[in-house]
Amino acid sequence: MLNKTIRVSEEVQELLSKLATKNDSFNDVIKRLIENNEEFTDKQVEFYNQEIERIENGIYENINEISLAELEDRVTKLKKEIKNEL
C-alpha cells in the first residue's frame, strides 16, 4: 500500500489521538470517521429544524432536562458502545 503524508494541526492530532484505541493508527481512526459519517435524510433535517424552531419559540413540550454530569455519562456510554461496534 502506498503511503501519503498529510498535514494536520496539533489540535487535530490530539483529537485523533483521543479517538484512537491503543491499537489504532491515525489511518484507522480517519477511516472509521469517514465510514461512520452519515448524512441526515431530508426527513431528519426537517424534523430537527422543526424542533429547533420550537425551542427558539419557547415551546418545550417533550423536552427533558438533565444535568451536565448525566449528559457526560450518556456520551461516555455511547462512545464505548460505538468503539465496541467497530
C-alpha atoms as a PDB file:
ATOM      1  CA  MET A   1       0.000   0.000   0.000  1.00  0.00           C
ATOM      2  CA  LEU A   2       1.286   3.432  -0.962  1.00  0.00           C
ATOM      3  CA  ASN A   3       1.605   5.800   1.994  1.00  0.00           C
ATOM      4  CA  LYS A   4       0.946   9.537   1.754  1.00  0.00           C
ATOM      5  CA  THR A   5       1.775  12.259   4.215  1.00  0.00           C
ATOM      6  CA  ILE A   6      -0.945  14.683   5.244  1.00  0.00           C
ATOM      7  CA  ARG A   7      -0.592  17.770   7.387  1.00  0.00           C
ATOM      8  CA  VAL A   8      -2.814  18.276  10.404  1.00  0.00           C
ATOM      9  CA  SER A   9      -2.656  20.815  13.165  1.00  0.00           C
ATOM     10  CA  GLU A  10      -1.571  19.828  16.653  1.00  0.00           C
ATOM     11  CA  GLU A  11      -5.179  20.219  17.761  1.00  0.00           C
ATOM     12  CA  VAL A  12      -6.400  17.745  15.134  1.00  0.00           C
ATOM     13  CA  GLN A  13      -3.606  15.326  16.001  1.00  0.00           C
ATOM     14  CA  GLU A  14      -4.641  15.446  19.657  1.00  0.00           C
ATOM     15  CA  LEU A  15      -8.298  14.895  18.737  1.00  0.00           C
ATOM     16  CA  LEU A  16      -7.379  11.914  16.576  1.00  0.00           C
ATOM     17  CA  SER A  17      -5.301  10.516  19.434  1.00  0.00           C
ATOM     18  CA  LYS A  18      -8.284  10.749  21.775  1.00  0.00           C
ATOM     19  CA  LEU A  19     -10.463   8.834  19.311  1.00  0.00           C
ATOM     20  CA  ALA A  20      -7.914   6.062  18.824  1.00  0.00           C
ATOM     21  CA  THR A  21      -7.752   2.839  20.745  1.00  0.00           C
ATOM     22  CA  LYS A  22      -4.304   1.646  21.782  1.00  0.00           C
ATOM     23  CA  ASN A  23      -4.008  -0.483  18.597  1.00  0.00           C
ATOM     24  CA  ASP A  24      -5.313   2.164  16.170  1.00  0.00           C
ATOM     25  CA  SER A  25      -3.203   4.092  13.731  1.00  0.00           C
ATOM     26  CA  PHE A  26      -4.326   7.536  12.625  1.00  0.00           C
ATOM     27  CA  ASN A  27      -5.248   5.869   9.342  1.00  0.00           C
ATOM     28  CA  ASP A  28      -7.638   3.569  11.249  1.00  0.00           C
ATOM     29  CA  VAL A  29      -9.231   6.488  13.082  1.00  0.00           C
ATOM     30  CA  ILE A  30      -9.671   8.596   9.946  1.00  0.00           C
ATOM     31  CA  LYS A  31     -11.094   5.659   8.008  1.00  0.00           C
ATOM     32  CA  ARG A  32     -13.563   4.911  10.814  1.00  0.00           C
ATOM     33  CA  LEU A  33     -14.659   8.557  10.931  1.00  0.00           C
ATOM     34  CA  ILE A  34     -15.218   8.602   7.183  1.00  0.00           C
ATOM     35  CA  GLU A  35     -17.133   5.319   7.179  1.00  0.00           C
ATOM     36  CA  ASN A  36     -19.325   6.416  10.090  1.00  0.00           C
ATOM     37  CA  ASN A  37     -20.068   9.823   8.613  1.00  0.00           C
ATOM     38  CA  GLU A  38     -23.752   9.506   7.878  1.00  0.00           C
ATOM     39  CA  GLU A  39     -25.680  12.372   6.402  1.00  0.00           C
ATOM     40  CA  PHE A  40     -29.147  13.222   7.572  1.00  0.00           C
ATOM     41  CA  THR A  41     -32.065  12.289   5.384  1.00  0.00           C
ATOM     42  CA  ASP A  42     -34.365  15.081   4.234  1.00  0.00           C
ATOM     43  CA  LYS A  43     -36.958  13.828   6.703  1.00  0.00           C
ATOM     44  CA  GLN A  44     -34.438  14.002   9.588  1.00  0.00           C
ATOM     45  CA  VAL A  45     -33.357  17.505   8.567  1.00  0.00           C
ATOM     46  CA  GLU A  46     -36.977  18.649   8.514  1.00  0.00           C
ATOM     47  CA  PHE A  47     -37.631  17.114  11.946  1.00  0.00           C
ATOM     48  CA  TYR A  48     -34.551  18.676  13.559  1.00  0.00           C
ATOM     49  CA  ASN A  49     -35.241  22.072  12.009  1.00  0.00           C
ATOM     50  CA  GLN A  50     -38.806  21.968  13.335  1.00  0.00           C
ATOM     51  CA  GLU A  51     -37.567  21.037  16.811  1.00  0.00           C
ATOM     52  CA  ILE A  52     -35.004  23.843  16.789  1.00  0.00           C
ATOM     53  CA  GLU A  53     -37.690  26.298  15.729  1.00  0.00           C
ATOM     54  CA  ARG A  54     -39.974  25.099  18.534  1.00  0.00           C
ATOM     55  CA  ILE A  55     -37.228  25.585  21.128  1.00  0.00           C
ATOM     56  CA  GLU A  56     -36.357  29.021  19.745  1.00  0.00           C
ATOM     57  CA  ASN A  57     -40.034  29.935  20.130  1.00  0.00           C
ATOM     58  CA  GLY A  58     -40.102  28.780  23.750  1.00  0.00           C
ATOM     59  CA  ILE A  59     -42.089  25.593  23.156  1.00  0.00           C
ATOM     60  CA  TYR A  60     -40.553  22.992  25.460  1.00  0.00           C
ATOM     61  CA  GLU A  61     -43.060  20.125  25.206  1.00  0.00           C
ATOM     62  CA  ASN A  62     -41.456  16.667  25.319  1.00  0.00           C
ATOM     63  CA  ILE A  63     -38.111  18.107  26.407  1.00  0.00           C
ATOM     64  CA  ASN A  64     -36.421  16.622  29.453  1.00  0.00           C
ATOM     65  CA  GLU A  65     -33.862  18.485  31.496  1.00  0.00           C
ATOM     66  CA  ILE A  66     -30.715  16.605  32.506  1.00  0.00           C
ATOM     67  CA  SER A  67     -27.625  17.671  34.388  1.00  0.00           C
ATOM     68  CA  LEU A  68     -24.263  18.102  32.715  1.00  0.00           C
ATOM     69  CA  ALA A  69     -22.960  15.079  34.655  1.00  0.00           C
ATOM     70  CA  GLU A  70     -25.810  12.918  33.303  1.00  0.00           C
ATOM     71  CA  LEU A  71     -25.087  14.128  29.780  1.00  0.00           C
ATOM     72  CA  GLU A  72     -21.386  13.331  30.150  1.00  0.00           C
ATOM     73  CA  ASP A  73     -22.277   9.833  31.394  1.00  0.00           C
ATOM     74  CA  ARG A  74     -24.528   9.251  28.392  1.00  0.00           C
ATOM     75  CA  VAL A  75     -21.850  10.463  25.970  1.00  0.00           C
ATOM     76  CA  THR A  76     -19.249   8.200  27.610  1.00  0.00           C
ATOM     77  CA  LYS A  77     -21.566   5.181  27.336  1.00  0.00           C
ATOM     78  CA  LEU A  78     -22.315   5.943  23.685  1.00  0.00           C
ATOM     79  CA  LYS A  79     -18.618   6.281  22.874  1.00  0.00           C
ATOM     80  CA  LYS A  80     -17.964   2.879  24.468  1.00  0.00           C
ATOM     81  CA  GLU A  81     -20.821   1.326  22.502  1.00  0.00           C
ATOM     82  CA  ILE A  82     -19.514   2.816  19.265  1.00  0.00           C
ATOM     83  CA  LYS A  83     -15.997   1.520  19.886  1.00  0.00           C
ATOM     84  CA  ASN A  84     -17.378  -1.947  20.681  1.00  0.00           C
ATOM     85  CA  GLU A  85     -19.335  -1.989  17.413  1.00  0.00           C
ATOM     86  CA  LEU A  86     -16.270  -1.176  15.366  1.00  0.00           C
END
